[in-house]
Amino acid sequence: MLNGGLVSLQAILDELKPSERKVAEYIVAHPEEVVKLSVQKLAELSGVSEATIIRLARSLNMKGYQELKLRIAGDLTKQTTPTSYQEIMMEGSVESIMQAVSWNNIQSIQDTLSVLSSEEVKRAVEALSTARKIDVYGVGASAVIADDIKQKFCRINLWCEAYSDFHAQLTSAVNLTPNDVVIGISYSGQTEDIIQSLAEARQQGATVITLTKFGPSPVAELAHIRLFTSSVEKSIRSGAMASRIAQLNVIDVLFMTMVSRKQEEVIPLLEKTRLAVSRTKRSSN
């Protein structure tokens, strides 16, 4: 069943125009009622036009109001809701912190499945599998994700470089070609270094893939292919941790999809790298 309607609405609530935010807040507050309403009745109850509701659905990358209702109905069948993140209490016990952090990480992955497009994943896999070179740009915490991508892709003999320094990103970007792919990572989608580096890579003809939180952003606007993670509530102290876990999960999805498409070619490469690394480890005997 389709889901992710409420997750998507909450993710972009702060970026919406006043009229669209008005109806979005009404939907979030009355989801059980909305799935039974026509677009005309929802417009009347929320005090907006029918066109505003259609624009809102399209802002969520949905075909229209009917798909939005289907996704909300799917959300309502789930035992957990998109608002079920737990606040981390600094004065709490070790056990309570363990539970809250772990739950938020799990919730972030589940919510990301609601906003991650399988079609965009397929397009990303196709572009990456045929690229001459893959650049990955990430600053700060996003640099950790970039390094993880490089390590995975190098294991299957892809030419992949990760850059966390802005000047290094820009230097590499100007030398990219239409046969290359660049992945820009920015949870907020607002990182200026990433924006400028991706703009340069796009100008050189490279295919741009972005990994950001769900919703419009300057980084995502530069992309040919957009991969999204869920937007963790700002009040959650573990937000940065949960978002990182969700991003790493998306990378694992990309990597395993690539491996599944080229098993005969890739499995021997993975085995070679595993054996090479295993020789550096001390025997337990």
Protein backbone atom coordinates (compact mmCIF):
# COMPACT_ATOMS: atom_id res chain seq x y z
CA MET A 1 0.00 0.00 0.00
CA LEU A 2 1.18 3.53 -0.78
CA ASN A 3 2.17 5.64 2.22
CA GLY A 4 4.29 8.65 3.11
CA GLY A 5 1.67 11.37 2.72
CA LEU A 6 1.94 12.68 6.28
CA VAL A 7 5.73 12.28 6.37
CA SER A 8 6.05 14.30 3.17
CA LEU A 9 3.71 17.04 4.38
CA GLN A 10 5.55 17.50 7.65
CA ALA A 11 8.90 17.51 5.84
CA ILE A 12 8.09 20.56 3.70
CA LEU A 13 5.69 22.38 6.03
CA ASP A 14 8.11 25.25 6.75
CA GLU A 15 8.84 25.83 3.03
CA LEU A 16 5.23 26.04 1.86
CA LYS A 17 3.44 29.22 0.79
CA PRO A 18 0.85 30.46 3.34
CA SER A 19 -2.18 29.06 1.48
CA GLU A 20 -0.56 25.67 0.90
CA ARG A 21 0.65 25.55 4.50
CA LYS A 22 -2.89 26.26 5.68
CA VAL A 23 -4.32 23.18 3.97
CA ALA A 24 -1.26 21.07 4.87
CA GLU A 25 -1.73 21.85 8.56
CA TYR A 26 -5.42 20.96 8.26
CA ILE A 27 -4.54 17.61 6.68
CA VAL A 28 -1.94 16.78 9.35
CA ALA A 29 -4.43 17.67 12.11
CA HIS A 30 -7.34 15.70 10.57
CA PRO A 31 -5.88 12.81 8.50
CA GLU A 32 -8.74 10.35 9.24
CA GLU A 33 -11.28 12.92 8.05
CA VAL A 34 -9.32 14.00 4.95
CA VAL A 35 -9.13 10.51 3.39
CA LYS A 36 -12.95 10.61 3.12
CA LEU A 37 -13.19 14.13 1.68
CA SER A 38 -13.48 15.30 -1.92
CA VAL A 39 -11.10 18.02 -3.05
CA GLN A 40 -14.04 20.44 -3.08
CA LYS A 41 -14.98 19.69 0.54
CA LEU A 42 -11.36 19.89 1.75
CA ALA A 43 -11.00 23.26 0.03
CA GLU A 44 -14.14 24.49 1.79
CA LEU A 45 -13.09 23.22 5.24
CA SER A 46 -9.53 24.47 5.05
CA GLY A 47 -10.41 27.81 3.46
CA VAL A 48 -8.30 27.49 0.32
CA SER A 49 -8.95 26.93 -3.37
CA GLU A 50 -9.05 23.54 -5.07
CA ALA A 51 -6.09 24.65 -7.19
CA THR A 52 -4.06 25.19 -4.01
CA ILE A 53 -4.66 21.58 -2.95
CA ILE A 54 -3.58 20.30 -6.37
CA ARG A 55 -0.42 22.44 -6.21
CA LEU A 56 0.32 21.07 -2.76
CA ALA A 57 0.06 17.48 -3.99
CA ARG A 58 2.42 18.25 -6.87
CA SER A 59 4.86 19.92 -4.48
CA LEU A 60 5.01 16.51 -2.79
CA ASN A 61 5.93 14.85 -6.12
CA MET A 62 2.47 13.26 -6.31
CA LYS A 63 0.16 13.14 -9.31
CA GLY A 64 -2.73 14.80 -7.52
CA TYR A 65 -5.06 14.87 -4.55
CA GLN A 66 -6.19 11.27 -5.05
CA GLU A 67 -2.63 9.96 -4.64
CA LEU A 68 -2.16 12.16 -1.57
CA LYS A 69 -5.29 10.63 0.00
CA LEU A 70 -4.09 7.10 -0.81
CA ARG A 71 -0.74 7.79 0.83
CA ILE A 72 -2.37 9.27 3.93
CA ALA A 73 -4.65 6.22 4.15
CA GLY A 74 -1.54 4.05 3.99
CA ASP A 75 0.02 6.03 6.83
CA LEU A 76 -3.08 5.50 8.98
CA THR A 77 -2.79 1.72 8.66
CA LYS A 78 0.70 1.80 10.18
CA GLN A 79 1.10 1.24 13.89
CA THR A 80 3.57 4.11 14.21
CA THR A 81 3.10 7.66 12.98
CA PRO A 82 5.53 10.23 11.53
CA THR A 83 5.35 12.21 14.76
CA SER A 84 6.59 9.35 16.95
CA TYR A 85 10.24 10.42 17.25
CA GLN A 86 11.39 10.45 20.85
CA GLU A 87 13.09 13.38 22.54
CA ILE A 88 16.51 12.54 23.99
CA MET A 89 16.53 13.35 27.68
CA MET A 90 20.08 14.22 28.72
CA GLU A 91 19.28 13.50 32.35
CA GLY A 92 17.74 10.13 31.47
CA SER A 93 19.13 6.70 32.22
CA VAL A 94 21.53 4.91 29.88
CA GLU A 95 18.71 2.50 29.03
CA SER A 96 16.31 5.31 28.07
CA ILE A 97 18.93 6.98 25.85
CA MET A 98 19.69 3.63 24.19
CA GLN A 99 16.00 3.14 23.44
CA ALA A 100 15.35 6.69 22.20
CA VAL A 101 18.40 6.96 19.93
CA SER A 102 17.81 3.51 18.44
CA TRP A 103 14.10 4.16 17.92
CA ASN A 104 14.74 7.49 16.18
CA ASN A 105 17.24 5.84 13.83
CA ILE A 106 14.72 3.12 12.97
CA GLN A 107 11.95 5.69 12.50
CA SER A 108 14.14 7.78 10.20
CA ILE A 109 14.80 4.80 7.93
CA GLN A 110 11.12 3.86 7.85
CA ASP A 111 10.07 7.42 7.01
CA THR A 112 12.77 7.63 4.33
CA LEU A 113 11.21 4.65 2.56
CA SER A 114 8.08 6.79 2.21
CA VAL A 115 9.84 9.63 0.37
CA LEU A 116 12.56 7.75 -1.57
CA SER A 117 11.44 7.20 -5.17
CA SER A 118 12.22 3.76 -6.61
CA GLU A 119 12.24 5.32 -10.09
CA GLU A 120 14.92 7.82 -9.04
CA VAL A 121 16.94 4.99 -7.46
CA LYS A 122 16.79 3.09 -10.77
CA ARG A 123 17.91 6.17 -12.70
CA ALA A 124 20.77 6.76 -10.26
CA VAL A 125 21.94 3.15 -10.54
CA GLU A 126 21.92 3.32 -14.34
CA ALA A 127 23.91 6.56 -14.36
CA LEU A 128 26.46 5.34 -11.80
CA SER A 129 26.93 1.96 -13.46
CA THR A 130 27.96 3.53 -16.77
CA ALA A 131 29.92 6.55 -15.49
CA ARG A 132 33.52 7.15 -16.50
CA LYS A 133 34.19 8.80 -13.14
CA ILE A 134 32.09 9.40 -10.03
CA ASP A 135 32.71 12.46 -7.83
CA VAL A 136 31.12 12.67 -4.37
CA TYR A 137 30.90 16.01 -2.55
CA GLY A 138 30.09 16.34 1.14
CA VAL A 139 31.08 18.85 3.82
CA GLY A 140 31.20 18.25 7.58
CA ALA A 141 29.02 15.31 8.63
CA SER A 142 28.11 14.71 4.97
CA ALA A 143 31.79 13.99 4.27
CA VAL A 144 31.35 10.76 6.27
CA ILE A 145 28.63 9.67 3.82
CA ALA A 146 30.86 10.64 0.87
CA ASP A 147 33.71 8.49 2.20
CA ASP A 148 31.34 5.55 2.65
CA ILE A 149 30.26 5.84 -1.00
CA LYS A 150 33.86 5.94 -2.19
CA GLN A 151 34.79 2.87 -0.14
CA LYS A 152 31.82 0.88 -1.49
CA PHE A 153 32.23 1.89 -5.13
CA CYS A 154 35.98 1.28 -5.13
CA ARG A 155 35.29 -2.28 -3.99
CA ILE A 156 33.50 -2.94 -7.29
CA ASN A 157 36.22 -1.26 -9.34
CA LEU A 158 34.46 2.02 -10.09
CA TRP A 159 36.54 5.19 -10.36
CA CYS A 160 35.14 7.14 -7.44
CA GLU A 161 36.63 10.10 -5.57
CA ALA A 162 35.25 11.79 -2.44
CA TYR A 163 35.97 15.47 -1.72
CA SER A 164 35.20 17.32 1.52
CA ASP A 165 37.27 20.44 0.75
CA PHE A 166 35.50 23.09 -1.34
CA HIS A 167 38.53 23.96 -3.46
CA ALA A 168 39.16 20.28 -4.17
CA GLN A 169 35.51 19.83 -5.16
CA LEU A 170 35.66 22.79 -7.52
CA THR A 171 38.96 21.70 -9.03
CA SER A 172 37.58 18.28 -9.81
CA ALA A 173 34.21 19.63 -11.00
CA VAL A 174 35.73 21.80 -13.74
CA ASN A 175 37.43 18.71 -15.21
CA LEU A 176 34.31 16.53 -15.35
CA THR A 177 32.73 15.49 -18.66
CA PRO A 178 29.25 14.45 -19.85
CA ASN A 179 30.36 10.86 -19.21
CA ASP A 180 30.78 11.54 -15.49
CA VAL A 181 28.43 11.56 -12.49
CA VAL A 182 28.62 13.70 -9.36
CA ILE A 183 26.79 13.00 -6.11
CA GLY A 184 26.15 16.02 -3.88
CA ILE A 185 25.27 15.31 -0.25
CA SER A 186 23.65 17.95 1.95
CA TYR A 187 20.93 17.02 4.41
CA SER A 188 19.68 20.61 4.59
CA GLY A 189 20.08 21.16 0.84
CA GLN A 190 21.45 24.62 1.68
CA THR A 191 25.23 24.04 1.88
CA GLU A 192 26.85 26.80 -0.21
CA ASP A 193 30.01 24.82 -1.05
CA ILE A 194 27.93 21.97 -2.45
CA ILE A 195 25.69 24.34 -4.41
CA GLN A 196 28.64 26.00 -6.15
CA SER A 197 30.46 22.71 -6.81
CA LEU A 198 27.38 21.04 -8.29
CA ALA A 199 26.64 24.09 -10.43
CA GLU A 200 30.13 23.85 -11.92
CA ALA A 201 29.83 20.08 -12.47
CA ARG A 202 26.49 20.57 -14.21
CA GLN A 203 27.98 23.28 -16.42
CA GLN A 204 30.58 20.74 -17.58
CA GLY A 205 27.77 18.35 -18.60
CA ALA A 206 28.09 15.85 -15.74
CA THR A 207 24.99 14.06 -14.45
CA VAL A 208 24.11 15.43 -11.00
CA ILE A 209 22.62 13.22 -8.28
CA THR A 210 21.66 14.82 -4.96
CA LEU A 211 20.94 13.34 -1.54
CA THR A 212 19.02 15.79 0.66
CA LYS A 213 16.09 15.85 3.06
CA PHE A 214 12.71 15.72 1.35
CA GLY A 215 11.44 18.95 -0.18
CA PRO A 216 12.65 21.77 -2.40
CA SER A 217 16.16 23.14 -1.81
CA PRO A 218 18.94 24.88 -3.79
CA VAL A 219 20.97 21.65 -3.87
CA ALA A 220 18.07 19.48 -5.10
CA GLU A 221 17.18 22.07 -7.77
CA LEU A 222 20.58 21.45 -9.43
CA ALA A 223 19.96 17.70 -9.74
CA HIS A 224 19.06 15.55 -12.70
CA ILE A 225 18.26 12.78 -10.19
CA ARG A 226 16.96 13.50 -6.68
CA LEU A 227 17.26 11.10 -3.77
CA PHE A 228 15.51 12.10 -0.55
CA THR A 229 15.65 11.11 3.09
CA SER A 230 13.02 11.93 5.69
CA SER A 231 13.11 15.24 7.52
CA VAL A 232 13.67 14.60 11.23
CA GLU A 233 11.97 17.08 13.54
CA LYS A 234 14.22 20.00 14.45
CA SER A 235 13.51 19.63 18.17
CA ILE A 236 15.03 16.18 18.26
CA ARG A 237 18.54 16.31 19.71
CA SER A 238 19.44 13.13 17.85
CA GLY A 239 18.29 14.58 14.52
CA ALA A 240 21.79 14.72 13.03
CA MET A 241 22.40 11.11 14.03
CA ALA A 242 19.10 9.83 12.63
CA SER A 243 19.54 11.73 9.35
CA ARG A 244 23.02 10.25 8.91
CA ILE A 245 21.69 6.72 9.43
CA ALA A 246 18.95 7.36 6.86
CA GLN A 247 21.51 8.67 4.33
CA LEU A 248 23.76 5.65 4.84
CA ASN A 249 20.76 3.41 4.31
CA VAL A 250 20.02 5.10 0.97
CA ILE A 251 23.64 4.51 -0.09
CA ASP A 252 23.32 0.84 0.88
CA VAL A 253 20.18 0.62 -1.27
CA LEU A 254 22.03 2.12 -4.24
CA PHE A 255 25.04 -0.13 -3.77
CA MET A 256 23.09 -3.38 -3.40
CA THR A 257 20.91 -2.52 -6.40
CA MET A 258 24.06 -2.01 -8.46
CA VAL A 259 25.49 -5.30 -7.22
CA SER A 260 22.25 -7.16 -8.02
CA ARG A 261 22.28 -5.83 -11.59
CA LYS A 262 25.83 -7.05 -12.31
CA GLN A 263 26.29 -10.04 -10.03
CA GLU A 264 28.54 -12.08 -12.32
CA GLU A 265 30.89 -9.13 -12.75
CA VAL A 266 30.74 -7.66 -9.27
CA ILE A 267 30.67 -10.65 -6.87
CA PRO A 268 34.24 -11.75 -7.81
CA LEU A 269 35.44 -8.18 -7.20
CA LEU A 270 33.84 -8.11 -3.76
CA GLU A 271 35.43 -11.44 -2.95
CA LYS A 272 38.86 -10.22 -4.09
CA THR A 273 38.68 -7.15 -1.89
CA ARG A 274 37.40 -9.20 1.04
CA LEU A 275 40.31 -11.62 0.78
CA ALA A 276 42.82 -8.77 0.42
CA VAL A 277 41.56 -7.10 3.58
CA SER A 278 41.30 -10.37 5.49
CA ARG A 279 45.03 -10.96 5.02
CA THR A 280 45.72 -7.83 7.10
CA LYS A 281 43.81 -9.19 10.11
CA ARG A 282 45.39 -11.12 12.95
CA SER A 283 44.30 -14.76 13.23
CA SER A 284 42.20 -15.69 16.27
CA ASN A 285 44.14 -18.95 16.67
